[in-house]
Protein backbone atom coordinates (compact mmCIF):
# COMPACT_ATOMS: atom_id res chain seq x y z
CA MET A 1 -30.22 -18.57 17.90
CA ALA A 2 -27.64 -16.68 20.39
CA THR A 3 -28.56 -13.05 21.17
CA ALA A 4 -26.75 -10.61 19.28
CA LEU A 5 -24.06 -8.81 21.48
CA THR A 6 -24.25 -5.20 21.89
CA SER A 7 -20.77 -2.88 21.98
CA GLU A 8 -21.12 -2.71 25.81
CA ASN A 9 -21.44 -6.82 26.06
CA VAL A 10 -17.98 -6.77 23.93
CA GLN A 11 -16.50 -4.08 25.85
CA GLU A 12 -17.23 -6.12 29.18
CA ALA A 13 -16.01 -9.16 27.22
CA TRP A 14 -12.45 -7.20 26.40
CA SER A 15 -12.08 -5.77 29.92
CA ALA A 16 -12.42 -9.04 31.52
CA LEU A 17 -9.97 -10.77 29.02
CA VAL A 18 -7.23 -7.69 29.68
CA GLN A 19 -7.91 -8.27 33.45
CA ASP A 20 -7.37 -12.01 33.39
CA VAL A 21 -4.39 -12.15 31.10
CA ARG A 22 -1.71 -10.13 32.24
CA THR A 23 0.61 -10.94 29.11
CA ALA A 24 0.58 -10.44 25.50
CA VAL A 25 2.62 -11.34 22.52
CA LEU A 26 4.27 -8.43 21.17
CA LEU A 27 4.95 -8.42 17.36
CA THR A 28 7.69 -6.18 15.85
CA LEU A 29 9.13 -6.37 12.38
CA ARG A 30 12.87 -7.63 12.27
CA ASN A 31 14.10 -7.14 9.01
CA GLY A 32 10.51 -6.76 7.33
CA ARG A 33 9.49 -10.02 9.10
CA PRO A 34 7.35 -10.48 12.32
CA PHE A 35 8.70 -11.29 15.60
CA GLY A 36 6.87 -12.33 18.58
CA SER A 37 7.88 -11.29 22.22
CA HIS A 38 6.20 -12.32 25.45
CA VAL A 39 5.27 -8.92 27.64
CA PRO A 40 3.56 -7.99 30.41
CA TYR A 41 1.23 -4.82 29.63
CA VAL A 42 -1.49 -2.46 31.02
CA PHE A 43 -4.26 -0.49 29.19
CA GLY A 44 -4.88 3.24 29.44
CA SER A 45 -8.98 4.01 29.66
CA ASP A 46 -9.56 2.20 26.76
CA TRP A 47 -7.96 -0.57 24.21
CA THR A 48 -6.45 2.53 22.16
CA ARG A 49 -3.41 2.90 24.52
CA ALA A 50 -1.07 0.05 25.80
CA TYR A 51 1.94 0.31 27.89
CA LEU A 52 4.89 -1.86 28.03
CA HIS A 53 8.13 -1.28 30.24
CA LEU A 54 10.87 -2.57 27.96
CA SER A 55 14.63 -2.98 28.15
CA LYS A 56 16.76 -1.31 25.07
CA LEU A 57 18.63 -4.43 25.39
CA ALA A 58 15.87 -6.65 24.19
CA LEU A 59 15.59 -7.46 20.62
CA HIS A 60 11.89 -6.35 20.67
CA THR A 61 12.77 -2.76 22.00
CA GLN A 62 15.66 -2.57 19.04
CA HIS A 63 12.98 -3.55 16.48
CA LEU A 64 11.18 -0.70 17.93
CA MET A 65 13.36 1.78 17.64
CA THR A 66 13.75 0.79 13.68
CA ASP A 67 10.34 0.49 13.18
CA PRO A 68 7.47 1.64 15.51
CA ARG A 69 4.70 -0.46 14.04
CA VAL A 70 3.18 -3.17 16.20
CA SER A 71 0.44 -5.61 16.76
CA LEU A 72 -0.48 -6.79 20.25
CA PHE A 73 -1.95 -10.18 20.93
CA ILE A 74 -3.87 -11.11 23.92
CA ALA A 75 -5.32 -14.64 24.34
CA GLU A 76 -7.31 -16.53 26.92
CA PRO A 77 -4.97 -19.32 28.09
CA ASP A 78 -5.81 -23.15 26.38
CA GLY A 79 -6.35 -25.68 29.09
CA GLN A 80 -7.75 -29.37 29.10
CA GLY A 81 -11.57 -29.55 28.11
CA LYS A 82 -11.46 -26.24 26.24
CA ASN A 83 -11.82 -25.64 22.33
CA PRO A 84 -8.68 -23.95 21.34
CA LEU A 85 -10.59 -22.58 18.17
CA ALA A 86 -13.04 -20.84 20.63
CA LEU A 87 -10.52 -19.22 23.09
CA ARG A 88 -11.07 -15.33 23.44
CA ARG A 89 -8.09 -13.46 21.53
CA MET A 90 -7.65 -9.82 20.66
CA ASN A 91 -5.17 -8.52 18.01
CA LEU A 92 -4.40 -4.78 18.07
CA GLN A 93 -2.36 -2.73 15.78
CA GLY A 94 -0.49 0.44 15.84
CA LYS A 95 2.59 2.15 16.68
CA ALA A 96 4.94 2.22 19.56
CA ALA A 97 6.51 5.28 20.93
CA VAL A 98 8.59 5.88 24.30
CA LEU A 99 6.66 7.56 26.81
CA SER A 100 9.00 10.47 28.26
CA PRO A 101 9.04 10.51 32.13
CA ASP A 102 8.22 14.41 31.57
CA ALA A 103 4.89 13.19 30.13
CA PRO A 104 1.54 14.73 32.32
CA SER A 105 0.36 10.95 32.20
CA TYR A 106 3.69 8.86 32.95
CA GLY A 107 3.31 8.97 37.15
CA GLU A 108 -0.05 7.11 36.66
CA ILE A 109 1.03 4.86 34.02
CA ARG A 110 3.89 3.98 36.30
CA GLU A 111 1.64 3.51 39.40
CA ARG A 112 -1.00 1.60 37.27
CA TYR A 113 2.03 -0.96 35.75
CA LEU A 114 3.09 -1.27 39.22
CA GLU A 115 0.02 -2.10 40.68
CA ARG A 116 -0.35 -4.99 38.70
CA PHE A 117 3.21 -5.83 38.49
CA PRO A 118 4.88 -5.06 41.97
CA GLN A 119 8.35 -6.82 41.26
CA ALA A 120 9.20 -4.38 38.22
CA GLU A 121 9.59 -1.75 40.67
CA MET A 122 13.54 -2.29 40.86
CA MET A 123 13.63 -2.19 36.95
CA PHE A 124 12.31 1.45 36.83
CA GLY A 125 15.19 2.40 38.24
CA PHE A 126 17.35 0.84 35.52
CA GLY A 127 18.64 3.21 32.67
CA ASP A 128 18.46 0.69 30.18
CA PHE A 129 14.14 0.64 30.90
CA ALA A 130 11.58 2.70 29.59
CA LEU A 131 7.69 2.65 29.41
CA TRP A 132 6.81 2.54 25.92
CA GLU A 133 3.04 3.75 24.68
CA LEU A 134 1.16 1.94 22.09
CA ARG A 135 -1.15 3.81 20.20
CA LEU A 136 -3.31 1.34 18.68
CA GLU A 137 -5.46 2.13 15.73
CA ASP A 138 -7.26 -1.40 14.89
CA ALA A 139 -8.91 -4.06 17.27
CA HIS A 140 -9.99 -7.47 16.12
CA PHE A 141 -11.37 -9.19 19.18
CA VAL A 142 -12.67 -12.82 18.76
CA LEU A 143 -14.94 -14.17 21.48
CA GLY A 144 -15.60 -17.71 20.13
CA PHE A 145 -17.24 -19.03 16.64
CA GLY A 146 -18.99 -16.57 14.79
CA GLN A 147 -18.49 -13.93 17.56
CA ALA A 148 -15.55 -11.76 15.88
CA PHE A 149 -15.74 -7.89 16.08
CA VAL A 150 -13.86 -5.07 15.17
CA SER A 151 -13.38 -1.71 16.32
CA SER A 152 -10.93 1.69 15.48
CA ALA A 153 -9.36 4.08 17.71
CA ALA A 154 -11.77 6.71 16.04
CA THR A 155 -14.92 5.07 18.12
CA PRO A 156 -12.93 2.69 20.30
CA ALA A 157 -16.59 1.66 22.60
CA ARG A 158 -18.30 0.91 19.16
CA TRP A 159 -17.69 -2.56 18.16
CA VAL A 160 -19.01 -4.38 14.89
CA HIS A 161 -19.45 -7.79 14.29
CA GLN A 162 -16.89 -8.86 11.40
CA LYS A 163 -19.45 -10.12 9.24
CA VAL A 164 -21.33 -6.60 9.31
CA GLU A 165 -17.85 -5.25 8.61
CA ARG A 166 -17.19 -7.31 5.39
CA VAL A 167 -20.36 -6.50 3.85
CA ALA A 168 -20.09 -2.94 4.53
CA ALA A 169 -16.73 -2.91 2.75
CA ARG A 170 -18.32 -4.93 -0.27
CA LYS A 171 -20.75 -1.90 -0.82
CA ASP A 172 -18.13 0.79 -0.56
């Protein structure tokens, strides 16, 4: 039987996934239905804050201006020899808001974004682009078969096995 993973192990796996995978699928709501877009991202100090540099001209940005609810989906790439059902993947839910250039964290986030995506520097000068902050509330992280974990923004470093979470919910 496999050794149970600790919250620290899951944190390390989360960190490795977001380091390896630089783009995600941003899910917004378009007329009440999910709409997916491929976006580059950076995270804050943990998974509860993600940052996107988006154009006002993009459909997903127009959706966010109407309804800020979002999901961000990050997945390990598939490939020959991999079992697609066992790929690492993370689904995060929350709300999005424009990060004001006057915000204390703006400069640091901009630099972090440009460090990861230097080709975006020119777009920071375009008037239709803005940094968006995703304020994420819930996380679902799958490391493979039988290895699904959940966390909440209240305790972002605490990961609970999904099976344990379901049992706890039934007792309530």
